[in-house]
Amino acid sequence: MNNNKEMLGQAPVGRLLFKLALPTVIAQLINMLYNIVDRIFIGHIPEIGDLALTGVGVCMPLIMIVSAFAALVSSGGAPRASIFMGQREQEKAEKTLGGCFGLQIVISMILTAVLLIWNRPLLLAFGASENTIEYASDYMNIYALGTIFVQLTLGMNAFVTAQGFTKISMFSVVIGAAANIALDPLFIYGFGMGVKGAALATIISQALSAVWVVSFLLGKKTMLRIKRENLVVSPRIILPCLALGLATFMMQASESVISVCFNSSLLEYGGDIAVGAMTILTSVMQFAMLPLQGIAQGSQPILSYNYGAKNADRVKKTFRLLLVSCLIYSVSLWSVIMLFPRLFPSIFTPDADLIAYTADVIRIYFGGLIIFGAQIACQMTFVSLGEAACSVTVAVVRKFVLLLPLIYIVPHFMANKTLGVYTAEPIADIIAVTFTIILFAFHFKRAIRKIEK
């Protein structure tokens, strides 16, 4: 256990970031396969693939909300646990883990009830049409039953990563993804279950991952252990975690709100094919964001631990490496999308019309991706240093102040209104990144002066 603490505080930063980020990036890429593989198999169901794909795409806002609640607890709790470890406050770190675990159980029960009772009205409000509602409802009714597994896998895995056990957290994702890839074709085609089979494969896979993560945190190898006496949901412990996790929650939950706004606007201006294209673009956005988040999460234990230990030089060096790594990735993926716009749509559907339609708009939608690495690097650093107010501010500005209004404003200034909806994304991204960099430059210097004193 002490070896990991010495590693976080003393190992060369470049080598350490690579060691922690690589398994996390792999885990994020594999985690993406849960939804991506579902959509690929669903999109290739004979005769109904395009409508079934659109229906499952409409489920994404609800799925994002489930993930967002896991992030609300874990993305604040895990950095605080790391900071306590850096301060040699082991008991506080374990109380944080236990309180977050207990809270996620409670949240899971509430979400499951809501999704089972109101999923059909929510799906219709989120952009499902008469043609797609049955597919969406079939998928969501089964997915809702696995909410607790999603919560525990995503939420508790963050505490594994926060201790520097990134290989363990990677394997938790690998187990689930491998099971999902194997079960999808069996349930969808072999048993003829269609979208219901895709949902069932997903929750079984998440259950396997949840068992792996929780077993590790109950075992002997972990530095922070789940203990019965720490499972009390104490406001004194939980509220600071929720305050810090609010930014990540808002980013993910707002993706749900934004997805609803995109779907409803696109359904009005472009019909089911426009919503189907958005389903593919959302999948590609996951491909863009998850590796970035993986790199950032790999840096979090180093940033939080050394900030708690008041080691300013290691904090600054880690951020510089994080920023460069994120920008290299975002520029590289942006280049691939610009050069090969038909590549990603072809993965998800054999429908020639949908491929052509998506290829026409994908360059516009991802126009701001080239600089988005800076946004992720700055936002994760805010969270890692415990700067809750700043992380919430940048999340609110990008989604609610910029993107949400632009979805409805931009179409009125363009002849092709459907194209105007897609154009809102890059405009919001470019303005948001600029704002985040300015805010970060001020607050990061202040945080470093604080620990140097």
Foldseek 3Di string as FASTA:
>chain_A
DVVLLCCLVPPDLVVLLCLLLVLLLLLLLLLLLLVQVLLQVQLPDPPCSLLLSLLQLLCVLLVLLLLLVLLLLQLLLLLVLLLCVLLVNLVLSQLSLQLSLLVLVVVLVVSLVCQQPCVLVSSVLLFRDPSRSVSNNLLSNLLSVLSSLSSQLSNLLLNCSLSVNSNLNSVLSVQLSVQLNVQQCCQVPVVVNRSNSSNNSNSVSSNSSNVSSLVVLCDDPDSHHHDPVSNDNDCVSRVLSSLLSVLSSLLSSLVSVLSSLLNVQCCVQPNSLLSSLVSLLVSVVSVLVSSLVSSLSSLLSSLSSCLSNLPLVSNVVSLVVNLVVLLVSLQVVLVVCVVCVLVSVVSRHPDPVSSVVNSVQNNLLSVQSNNLSLVSSLLSSCSSNSVSVLSNVLSCQLRPVQLSVQLVPQLVVDPRSNSSNSNSNNVSNVVSSVVSVVVSVVVVVVSSVVSVD
